C-alpha cells in the first residue's frame, strides 16, 4: 500500500522591497520575508501574486 500525503500548502510572502514569492508552509520563512496574508495551493498563491504585485519598484525616488 502506498501512503497518501496531504496536499502541500503554500503562503504568499513579501519583503520590504515590495517583492512577492510563494513559500511552503512546512518551511521557516527566510530572513527579510513576512507572510502577506494569503495561503492555499501553489497555483492559487501564484494567481494571487499575479493580481497584487505591481512589479519592481525602486526603493528610493529617482531624481527628475
PDB file of N, CA and C in Angstrom:
ATOM      1  N   UNK A   1       0.831  -1.191   0.000  1.00  0.00           N
ATOM      2  CA  UNK A   1       0.000   0.000   0.000  1.00  0.00           C
ATOM      3  C   UNK A   1       0.870   1.247   0.000  1.00  0.00           C
ATOM      4  N   UNK A   2       0.441   2.239  -0.748  1.00  0.00           N
ATOM      5  CA  UNK A   2       1.182   3.495  -0.766  1.00  0.00           C
ATOM      6  C   UNK A   2       0.555   4.476   0.215  1.00  0.00           C
ATOM      7  N   UNK A   3       1.414   5.267   0.823  1.00  0.00           N
ATOM      8  CA  UNK A   3       0.956   6.263   1.787  1.00  0.00           C
ATOM      9  C   UNK A   3       0.560   7.537   1.046  1.00  0.00           C
ATOM     10  N   UNK A   4      -0.596   8.089   1.368  1.00  0.00           N
ATOM     11  CA  UNK A   4      -1.063   9.313   0.732  1.00  0.00           C
ATOM     12  C   UNK A   4      -0.652  10.506   1.586  1.00  0.00           C
ATOM     13  N   UNK A   5       0.031  11.451   0.965  1.00  0.00           N
ATOM     14  CA  UNK A   5       0.445  12.661   1.674  1.00  0.00           C
ATOM     15  C   UNK A   5      -0.633  13.723   1.547  1.00  0.00           C
ATOM     16  N   UNK A   6      -0.787  14.530   2.591  1.00  0.00           N
ATOM     17  CA  UNK A   6      -1.745  15.632   2.480  1.00  0.00           C
ATOM     18  C   UNK A   6      -1.241  16.640   1.445  1.00  0.00           C
ATOM     19  N   UNK A   7      -2.134  17.382   0.821  1.00  0.00           N
ATOM     20  CA  UNK A   7      -1.706  18.370  -0.166  1.00  0.00           C
ATOM     21  C   UNK A   7      -0.778  19.402   0.469  1.00  0.00           C
ATOM     22  N   UNK A   8       0.181  19.856  -0.296  1.00  0.00           N
ATOM     23  CA  UNK A   8       1.120  20.871   0.167  1.00  0.00           C
ATOM     24  C   UNK A   8       0.424  22.218   0.240  1.00  0.00           C
ATOM     25  N   UNK A   9       0.605  22.930   1.339  1.00  0.00           N
ATOM     26  CA  UNK A   9       0.045  24.266   1.475  1.00  0.00           C
ATOM     27  C   UNK A   9       1.176  25.287   1.349  1.00  0.00           C
ATOM     28  N   UNK A  10       0.869  26.387   0.680  1.00  0.00           N
ATOM     29  CA  UNK A  10       1.835  27.461   0.472  1.00  0.00           C
ATOM     30  C   UNK A  10       1.275  28.755   1.047  1.00  0.00           C
ATOM     31  N   UNK A  11       2.169  29.702   1.268  1.00  0.00           N
ATOM     32  CA  UNK A  11       1.782  31.037   1.695  1.00  0.00           C
ATOM     33  C   UNK A  11       2.471  32.051   0.795  1.00  0.00           C
ATOM     34  N   UNK A  12       1.798  33.150   0.552  1.00  0.00           N
ATOM     35  CA  UNK A  12       2.410  34.246  -0.199  1.00  0.00           C
ATOM     36  C   UNK A  12       3.216  35.061   0.803  1.00  0.00           C
ATOM     37  N   UNK A  13       4.460  35.345   0.441  1.00  0.00           N
ATOM     38  CA  UNK A  13       5.334  36.133   1.304  1.00  0.00           C
ATOM     39  C   UNK A  13       5.774  37.389   0.569  1.00  0.00           C
ATOM     40  N   UNK A  14       6.146  38.409   1.332  1.00  0.00           N
ATOM     41  CA  UNK A  14       6.595  39.668   0.755  1.00  0.00           C
ATOM     42  C   UNK A  14       7.798  40.171   1.544  1.00  0.00           C
ATOM     43  N   UNK A  15       8.578  41.034   0.898  1.00  0.00           N
ATOM     44  CA  UNK A  15       9.699  41.657   1.594  1.00  0.00           C
ATOM     45  C   UNK A  15       9.511  43.172   1.582  1.00  0.00           C
ATOM     46  N   UNK A  16      10.437  43.888   2.202  1.00  0.00           N
ATOM     47  CA  UNK A  16      10.306  45.349   2.309  1.00  0.00           C
ATOM     48  C   UNK A  16      10.467  46.064   0.971  1.00  0.00           C
ATOM     49  N   UNK A  17      11.017  45.391  -0.034  1.00  0.00           N
ATOM     50  CA  UNK A  17      11.178  45.989  -1.366  1.00  0.00           C
ATOM     51  C   UNK A  17       9.911  45.843  -2.197  1.00  0.00           C
ATOM     52  N   UNK A  18       8.859  45.237  -1.626  1.00  0.00           N
ATOM     53  CA  UNK A  18       7.607  45.072  -2.352  1.00  0.00           C
ATOM     54  C   UNK A  18       7.602  43.878  -3.290  1.00  0.00           C
ATOM     55  N   UNK A  19       8.550  42.966  -3.102  1.00  0.00           N
ATOM     56  CA  UNK A  19       8.590  41.756  -3.924  1.00  0.00           C
ATOM     57  C   UNK A  19       7.766  40.666  -3.250  1.00  0.00           C
ATOM     58  N   UNK A  20       7.186  39.800  -4.060  1.00  0.00           N
ATOM     59  CA  UNK A  20       6.372  38.698  -3.555  1.00  0.00           C
ATOM     60  C   UNK A  20       6.961  37.372  -4.004  1.00  0.00           C
ATOM     61  N   UNK A  21       6.664  36.336  -3.219  1.00  0.00           N
ATOM     62  CA  UNK A  21       7.075  34.994  -3.580  1.00  0.00           C
ATOM     63  C   UNK A  21       6.083  34.021  -2.962  1.00  0.00           C
ATOM     64  N   UNK A  22       6.226  32.761  -3.308  1.00  0.00           N
ATOM     65  CA  UNK A  22       5.395  31.687  -2.770  1.00  0.00           C
ATOM     66  C   UNK A  22       6.312  30.777  -1.965  1.00  0.00           C
ATOM     67  N   UNK A  23       5.896  30.445  -0.743  1.00  0.00           N
ATOM     68  CA  UNK A  23       6.751  29.682   0.158  1.00  0.00           C
ATOM     69  C   UNK A  23       5.957  28.558   0.799  1.00  0.00           C
ATOM     70  N   UNK A  24       6.564  27.394   0.930  1.00  0.00           N
ATOM     71  CA  UNK A  24       5.920  26.258   1.579  1.00  0.00           C
ATOM     72  C   UNK A  24       5.693  26.564   3.055  1.00  0.00           C
ATOM     73  N   UNK A  25       4.495  26.248   3.550  1.00  0.00           N
ATOM     74  CA  UNK A  25       4.207  26.473   4.968  1.00  0.00           C
ATOM     75  C   UNK A  25       4.944  25.472   5.846  1.00  0.00           C
ATOM     76  N   UNK A  26       5.542  24.463   5.258  1.00  0.00           N
ATOM     77  CA  UNK A  26       6.307  23.465   6.007  1.00  0.00           C
ATOM     78  C   UNK A  26       7.714  23.953   6.344  1.00  0.00           C
ATOM     79  N   UNK A  27       8.101  25.074   5.759  1.00  0.00           N
ATOM     80  CA  UNK A  27       9.449  25.595   5.960  1.00  0.00           C
ATOM     81  C   UNK A  27       9.397  26.929   6.687  1.00  0.00           C
ATOM     82  N   UNK A  28      10.456  27.211   7.452  1.00  0.00           N
ATOM     83  CA  UNK A  28      10.568  28.506   8.128  1.00  0.00           C
ATOM     84  C   UNK A  28      10.775  29.593   7.077  1.00  0.00           C
ATOM     85  N   UNK A  29      10.219  30.767   7.334  1.00  0.00           N
ATOM     86  CA  UNK A  29      10.383  31.878   6.395  1.00  0.00           C
ATOM     87  C   UNK A  29      11.834  32.333   6.378  1.00  0.00           C
ATOM     88  N   UNK A  30      12.338  32.683   5.205  1.00  0.00           N
ATOM     89  CA  UNK A  30      13.702  33.198   5.137  1.00  0.00           C
ATOM     90  C   UNK A  30      13.753  34.614   5.735  1.00  0.00           C
ATOM     91  N   UNK A  31      14.928  35.019   6.170  1.00  0.00           N
ATOM     92  CA  UNK A  31      15.104  36.346   6.746  1.00  0.00           C
ATOM     93  C   UNK A  31      14.671  37.438   5.783  1.00  0.00           C
ATOM     94  N   UNK A  32      14.006  38.450   6.306  1.00  0.00           N
ATOM     95  CA  UNK A  32      13.585  39.581   5.488  1.00  0.00           C
ATOM     96  C   UNK A  32      12.244  39.394   4.798  1.00  0.00           C
ATOM     97  N   UNK A  33      11.619  38.243   4.964  1.00  0.00           N
ATOM     98  CA  UNK A  33      10.323  37.974   4.333  1.00  0.00           C
ATOM     99  C   UNK A  33       9.270  37.794   5.414  1.00  0.00           C
ATOM    100  N   UNK A  34       8.026  38.174   5.094  1.00  0.00           N
ATOM    101  CA  UNK A  34       6.903  38.020   6.027  1.00  0.00           C
ATOM    102  C   UNK A  34       5.694  37.495   5.247  1.00  0.00           C
ATOM    103  N   UNK A  35       4.795  36.846   5.960  1.00  0.00           N
ATOM    104  CA  UNK A  35       3.573  36.370   5.301  1.00  0.00           C
ATOM    105  C   UNK A  35       2.741  37.567   4.860  1.00  0.00           C
ATOM    106  N   UNK A  36       2.140  37.443   3.678  1.00  0.00           N
ATOM    107  CA  UNK A  36       1.368  38.541   3.099  1.00  0.00           C
ATOM    108  C   UNK A  36      -0.141  38.323   3.198  1.00  0.00           C
ATOM    109  N   UNK A  37      -0.559  37.302   3.941  1.00  0.00           N
ATOM    110  CA  UNK A  37      -1.984  37.150   4.217  1.00  0.00           C
ATOM    111  C   UNK A  37      -2.766  36.272   3.257  1.00  0.00           C
ATOM    112  N   UNK A  38      -2.086  35.421   2.478  1.00  0.00           N
ATOM    113  CA  UNK A  38      -2.815  34.533   1.574  1.00  0.00           C
ATOM    114  C   UNK A  38      -2.160  33.165   1.616  1.00  0.00           C
ATOM    115  N   UNK A  39      -2.963  32.126   1.803  1.00  0.00           N
ATOM    116  CA  UNK A  39      -2.490  30.734   1.793  1.00  0.00           C
ATOM    117  C   UNK A  39      -3.359  29.901   0.874  1.00  0.00           C
ATOM    118  N   UNK A  40      -2.774  28.844   0.345  1.00  0.00           N
ATOM    119  CA  UNK A  40      -3.528  27.929  -0.497  1.00  0.00           C
ATOM    120  C   UNK A  40      -2.581  26.993  -1.222  1.00  0.00           C
ATOM    121  N   UNK A  41      -3.079  26.361  -2.286  1.00  0.00           N
ATOM    122  CA  UNK A  41      -2.189  25.523  -3.080  1.00  0.00           C
ATOM    123  C   UNK A  41      -1.282  26.442  -3.899  1.00  0.00           C
ATOM    124  N   UNK A  42      -0.256  25.870  -4.499  1.00  0.00           N
ATOM    125  CA  UNK A  42       0.758  26.663  -5.194  1.00  0.00           C
ATOM    126  C   UNK A  42       0.155  27.527  -6.301  1.00  0.00           C
ATOM    127  N   UNK A  43      -0.707  26.946  -7.125  1.00  0.00           N
ATOM    128  CA  UNK A  43      -1.302  27.696  -8.235  1.00  0.00           C
ATOM    129  C   UNK A  43      -2.154  28.861  -7.750  1.00  0.00           C
ATOM    130  N   UNK A  44      -2.921  28.660  -6.678  1.00  0.00           N
ATOM    131  CA  UNK A  44      -3.735  29.745  -6.129  1.00  0.00           C
ATOM    132  C   UNK A  44      -2.859  30.872  -5.612  1.00  0.00           C
ATOM    133  N   UNK A  45      -1.747  30.517  -4.958  1.00  0.00           N
ATOM    134  CA  UNK A  45      -0.827  31.535  -4.454  1.00  0.00           C
ATOM    135  C   UNK A  45      -0.181  32.299  -5.603  1.00  0.00           C
ATOM    136  N   UNK A  46       0.219  31.600  -6.655  1.00  0.00           N
ATOM    137  CA  UNK A  46       0.813  32.278  -7.809  1.00  0.00           C
ATOM    138  C   UNK A  46      -0.197  33.211  -8.472  1.00  0.00           C
ATOM    139  N   UNK A  47      -1.457  32.805  -8.557  1.00  0.00           N
ATOM    140  CA  UNK A  47      -2.504  33.672  -9.109  1.00  0.00           C
ATOM    141  C   UNK A  47      -2.663  34.923  -8.248  1.00  0.00           C
ATOM    142  N   UNK A  48      -2.623  34.742  -6.931  1.00  0.00           N
ATOM    143  CA  UNK A  48      -2.758  35.879  -6.027  1.00  0.00           C
ATOM    144  C   UNK A  48      -1.597  36.863  -6.229  1.00  0.00           C
ATOM    145  N   UNK A  49      -0.382  36.351  -6.326  1.00  0.00           N
ATOM    146  CA  UNK A  49       0.784  37.212  -6.550  1.00  0.00           C
ATOM    147  C   UNK A  49       0.614  37.991  -7.847  1.00  0.00           C
ATOM    148  N   UNK A  50       0.172  37.330  -8.891  1.00  0.00           N
ATOM    149  CA  UNK A  50      -0.026  37.996 -10.182  1.00  0.00           C
ATOM    150  C   UNK A  50      -1.018  39.145 -10.066  1.00  0.00           C
ATOM    151  N   UNK A  51      -2.022  38.992  -9.210  1.00  0.00           N
ATOM    152  CA  UNK A  51      -3.049  40.027  -9.045  1.00  0.00           C
ATOM    153  C   UNK A  51      -2.605  41.199  -8.174  1.00  0.00           C
ATOM    154  N   UNK A  52      -1.703  40.963  -7.217  1.00  0.00           N
ATOM    155  CA  UNK A  52      -1.339  42.040  -6.290  1.00  0.00           C
ATOM    156  C   UNK A  52       0.016  42.675  -6.574  1.00  0.00           C
ATOM    157  N   UNK A  53       0.896  41.983  -7.264  1.00  0.00           N
ATOM    158  CA  UNK A  53       2.241  42.510  -7.477  1.00  0.00           C
ATOM    159  C   UNK A  53       2.222  43.585  -8.545  1.00  0.00           C
ATOM    160  N   UNK A  54       2.808  44.712  -8.231  1.00  0.00           N
ATOM    161  CA  UNK A  54       2.852  45.831  -9.161  1.00  0.00           C
ATOM    162  C   UNK A  54       4.169  45.907  -9.914  1.00  0.00           C
ATOM    163  N   UNK A  55       5.022  44.953  -9.760  1.00  0.00           N
ATOM    164  CA  UNK A  55       6.303  44.923 -10.455  1.00  0.00           C
ATOM    165  C   UNK A  55       7.401  45.561  -9.635  1.00  0.00           C
ATOM    166  N   UNK A  56       8.614  45.488 -10.160  1.00  0.00           N
ATOM    167  CA  UNK A  56       9.743  46.052  -9.418  1.00  0.00           C
ATOM    168  C   UNK A  56       9.590  47.556  -9.231  1.00  0.00           C
ATOM    169  N   UNK A  57       9.968  48.006  -8.072  1.00  0.00           N
ATOM    170  CA  UNK A  57       9.918  49.430  -7.763  1.00  0.00           C
ATOM    171  C   UNK A  57      11.249  49.840  -7.148  1.00  0.00           C
ATOM    172  N   UNK A  58      11.717  51.016  -7.458  1.00  0.00           N
ATOM    173  CA  UNK A  58      12.936  51.483  -6.794  1.00  0.00           C
ATOM    174  C   UNK A  58      12.672  51.698  -5.306  1.00  0.00           C
ATOM    175  N   UNK A  59      13.666  51.442  -4.480  1.00  0.00           N
ATOM    176  CA  UNK A  59      13.472  51.617  -3.042  1.00  0.00           C
ATOM    177  C   UNK A  59      13.520  53.084  -2.640  1.00  0.00           C
ATOM    178  N   UNK A  60      14.136  53.937  -3.479  1.00  0.00           N
ATOM    179  CA  UNK A  60      14.151  55.365  -3.212  1.00  0.00           C
ATOM    180  C   UNK A  60      13.749  56.098  -4.489  1.00  0.00           C
ATOM    181  N   UNK A  61      13.141  57.278  -4.361  1.00  0.00           N
ATOM    182  CA  UNK A  61      12.746  58.021  -5.570  1.00  0.00           C
ATOM    183  C   UNK A  61      13.962  58.383  -6.415  1.00  0.00           C
ATOM    184  N   UNK A  62      13.802  58.310  -7.708  1.00  0.00           N
ATOM    185  CA  UNK A  62      14.867  58.697  -8.632  1.00  0.00           C
ATOM    186  C   UNK A  62      14.805  60.191  -8.894  1.00  0.00           C
ATOM    187  N   UNK A  63      15.979  60.818  -9.053  1.00  0.00           N
ATOM    188  CA  UNK A  63      15.955  62.254  -9.355  1.00  0.00           C
ATOM    189  C   UNK A  63      15.274  62.536 -10.697  1.00  0.00           C
ATOM    190  N   UNK A  64      14.585  63.653 -10.770  1.00  0.00           N
ATOM    191  CA  UNK A  64      13.865  64.014 -12.002  1.00  0.00           C
ATOM    192  C   UNK A  64      14.783  64.574 -13.051  1.00  0.00           C
TER     193      UNK A  64
END
